[in-house]
Protein backbone atom coordinates (compact mmCIF):
# COMPACT_ATOMS: atom_id res chain seq x y z
CA UNK A 1 -147.93 51.38 -39.86
CA UNK A 2 -150.67 48.87 -38.09
CA UNK A 3 -148.33 47.09 -35.72
CA UNK A 4 -147.41 50.78 -34.53
CA UNK A 5 -150.92 51.56 -33.89
CA UNK A 6 -151.58 48.12 -32.32
CA UNK A 7 -148.72 49.07 -29.87
CA UNK A 8 -149.98 52.41 -29.52
CA UNK A 9 -153.34 50.76 -27.88
CA UNK A 10 -155.30 51.64 -31.03
CA UNK A 11 -158.12 49.82 -32.14
CA UNK A 12 -159.40 48.82 -35.75
CA UNK A 13 -162.68 49.03 -36.64
CA UNK A 14 -163.59 46.66 -39.63
CA UNK A 15 -167.11 48.48 -40.83
CA UNK A 16 -165.34 52.14 -41.30
CA UNK A 17 -161.92 51.20 -41.96
CA UNK A 18 -160.48 53.38 -39.43
CA UNK A 19 -158.07 52.89 -36.47
CA UNK A 20 -159.21 54.69 -33.28
CA UNK A 21 -158.63 55.85 -29.34
CA UNK A 22 -161.33 53.33 -27.76
CA UNK A 23 -161.90 56.06 -25.58
CA UNK A 24 -162.40 59.06 -27.88
CA UNK A 25 -165.64 60.29 -28.71
CA UNK A 26 -164.16 62.78 -31.59
CA UNK A 27 -163.73 66.60 -31.32
CA UNK A 28 -166.90 68.81 -32.25
CA UNK A 29 -165.56 70.30 -35.80
CA UNK A 30 -167.76 69.46 -38.69
CA UNK A 31 -168.89 70.96 -42.25
CA UNK A 32 -172.22 70.48 -40.92
CA UNK A 33 -174.66 67.20 -40.83
CA UNK A 34 -176.12 67.36 -44.34
CA UNK A 35 -172.45 68.40 -46.03
CA UNK A 36 -170.71 65.35 -44.39
CA UNK A 37 -173.51 62.56 -45.38
CA UNK A 38 -173.56 64.17 -48.81
CA UNK A 39 -169.66 64.01 -49.36
CA UNK A 40 -169.71 60.28 -47.79
CA UNK A 41 -172.11 59.29 -50.06
CA UNK A 42 -170.64 60.55 -52.77
CA UNK A 43 -167.37 59.22 -52.35
CA UNK A 44 -168.65 55.87 -50.83
CA UNK A 45 -170.80 55.60 -54.77
CA UNK A 46 -167.76 56.81 -56.46
CA UNK A 47 -165.52 54.22 -59.02
CA UNK A 48 -162.91 57.08 -59.18
CA UNK A 49 -161.24 58.31 -56.35
CA UNK A 50 -158.53 60.14 -57.71
CA UNK A 51 -157.44 63.70 -57.06
CA UNK A 52 -158.43 64.37 -60.90
CA UNK A 53 -161.29 62.50 -61.04
CA UNK A 54 -164.07 64.00 -63.49
CA UNK A 55 -166.63 61.95 -61.21
CA UNK A 56 -166.21 63.72 -58.26
CA UNK A 57 -166.03 67.00 -60.20
CA UNK A 58 -169.84 66.39 -60.89
CA UNK A 59 -170.24 66.81 -57.48
CA UNK A 60 -169.13 69.99 -56.54
CA UNK A 61 -172.06 72.33 -55.68
CA UNK A 62 -171.03 74.38 -53.02
CA UNK A 63 -168.17 75.95 -51.03
CA UNK A 64 -167.41 72.02 -48.63
CA UNK A 65 -167.86 70.03 -51.87
CA UNK A 66 -165.17 72.32 -53.74
CA UNK A 67 -162.95 72.25 -50.74
CA UNK A 68 -163.20 68.33 -50.44
CA UNK A 69 -163.66 67.67 -54.15
CA UNK A 70 -161.66 69.71 -55.99
CA UNK A 71 -158.03 68.60 -57.44
CA UNK A 72 -156.98 71.87 -56.60
CA UNK A 73 -156.28 70.93 -52.63
CA UNK A 74 -153.58 69.07 -53.81
CA UNK A 75 -151.59 72.17 -55.37
CA UNK A 76 -150.09 72.79 -52.00
CA UNK A 77 -147.74 69.95 -52.18
CA UNK A 78 -147.33 69.18 -55.74
CA UNK A 79 -143.96 70.73 -55.85
CA UNK A 80 -142.76 68.34 -53.31
CA UNK A 81 -143.82 65.42 -54.67
CA UNK A 82 -140.57 64.18 -55.51
CA UNK A 83 -139.79 64.66 -51.70
CA UNK A 84 -143.13 62.87 -50.65
CA UNK A 85 -142.80 59.63 -53.04
CA UNK A 86 -141.84 56.82 -50.49
CA UNK A 87 -142.04 59.23 -47.21
CA UNK A 88 -143.40 58.18 -44.22
CA UNK A 89 -145.84 61.06 -43.78
CA UNK A 90 -148.08 61.94 -40.66
CA UNK A 91 -150.95 64.25 -41.70
CA UNK A 92 -152.83 65.87 -38.75
CA UNK A 93 -155.83 67.45 -39.64
CA UNK A 94 -156.57 64.86 -42.78
CA UNK A 95 -160.39 66.01 -42.80
CA UNK A 96 -162.35 64.34 -45.47
CA UNK A 97 -159.18 63.05 -47.33
CA UNK A 98 -158.35 65.29 -50.26
CA UNK A 99 -154.94 65.70 -49.27
CA UNK A 100 -154.64 61.92 -47.89
CA UNK A 101 -155.64 61.03 -51.49
CA UNK A 102 -152.73 63.03 -53.15
CA UNK A 103 -150.14 61.64 -50.93
CA UNK A 104 -151.14 58.32 -51.50
CA UNK A 105 -151.25 58.64 -55.13
CA UNK A 106 -147.38 60.22 -55.05
CA UNK A 107 -146.57 56.76 -52.89
CA UNK A 108 -146.05 57.97 -49.48
CA UNK A 109 -146.44 55.84 -46.57
CA UNK A 110 -149.58 58.28 -44.54
CA UNK A 111 -150.76 57.94 -41.11
CA UNK A 112 -153.65 60.43 -41.31
CA UNK A 113 -155.13 61.98 -38.32
CA UNK A 114 -158.24 63.58 -37.87
CA UNK A 115 -160.48 64.25 -34.85
CA UNK A 116 -163.86 63.62 -36.43
CA UNK A 117 -164.55 59.97 -36.29
CA UNK A 118 -166.90 60.75 -39.26
CA UNK A 119 -164.79 62.33 -41.33
CA UNK A 120 -161.77 59.93 -40.82
CA UNK A 121 -164.24 57.72 -42.41
CA UNK A 122 -164.91 59.66 -45.06
CA UNK A 123 -160.96 60.23 -45.20
CA UNK A 124 -160.36 56.35 -45.35
CA UNK A 125 -163.48 55.71 -47.74
CA UNK A 126 -161.51 58.35 -50.27
CA UNK A 127 -158.38 56.39 -49.85
CA UNK A 128 -159.64 52.82 -49.78
CA UNK A 129 -157.75 51.56 -52.63
CA UNK A 130 -154.56 52.56 -51.25
CA UNK A 131 -153.28 50.11 -48.28
CA UNK A 132 -150.13 52.41 -47.60
CA UNK A 133 -152.36 54.52 -45.81
CA UNK A 134 -153.47 54.47 -42.51
CA UNK A 135 -156.71 56.46 -41.10
CA UNK A 136 -156.76 57.62 -37.24
CA UNK A 137 -159.62 59.02 -35.34
CA UNK A 138 -157.88 61.06 -32.55
CA UNK A 139 -156.80 64.04 -31.53
CA UNK A 140 -153.67 65.69 -32.32
CA UNK A 141 -152.83 66.63 -28.72
CA UNK A 142 -153.93 63.03 -27.76
CA UNK A 143 -152.11 61.09 -30.62
CA UNK A 144 -149.15 58.63 -28.90
CA UNK A 145 -146.86 57.02 -30.76
CA UNK A 146 -143.49 56.30 -31.12
CA UNK A 147 -143.20 55.96 -34.50
CA UNK A 148 -140.97 58.37 -36.54
CA UNK A 149 -142.11 60.45 -39.40
CA UNK A 150 -140.43 61.59 -42.60
CA UNK A 151 -142.73 64.35 -43.11
CA UNK A 152 -145.36 65.75 -40.73
CA UNK A 153 -148.12 68.01 -42.64
CA UNK A 154 -150.44 70.63 -40.59
CA UNK A 155 -152.18 72.24 -43.20
CA UNK A 156 -155.25 74.41 -42.64
CA UNK A 157 -155.79 72.87 -39.06
CA UNK A 158 -154.49 75.78 -36.66
């Protein structure tokens, strides 16, 4: 996946761990500065990043933290786990990485596409121990690649 991203002209940011289009400034979508800064800190400080993490559950205090940290988000894909294990997946609209994390835990190879650089960095932090996941900060209509995927997800984006 890394070679595909390099070939398409994307660059890797060592600090955030995300790939990005050098000319892309990000989309104006956010749960708000306070919420996303809090989520980033929770995830950065967490030892257990798993979908079923009791540590992350302790930080669910409002709707956005429930949305991003709850294990229930993965329920949308659980019935398809046997199809997703080992699959090449393009996840469009990765957000803060809840679904990305689930896909990685079941063994999918994921390119997580997120339009917000901050949210992309949070998604990468959430999946930092899963080397088969790459996160790209790019708009879905700007995404350029000749890669082929077994599965493409678009959950809660349109």
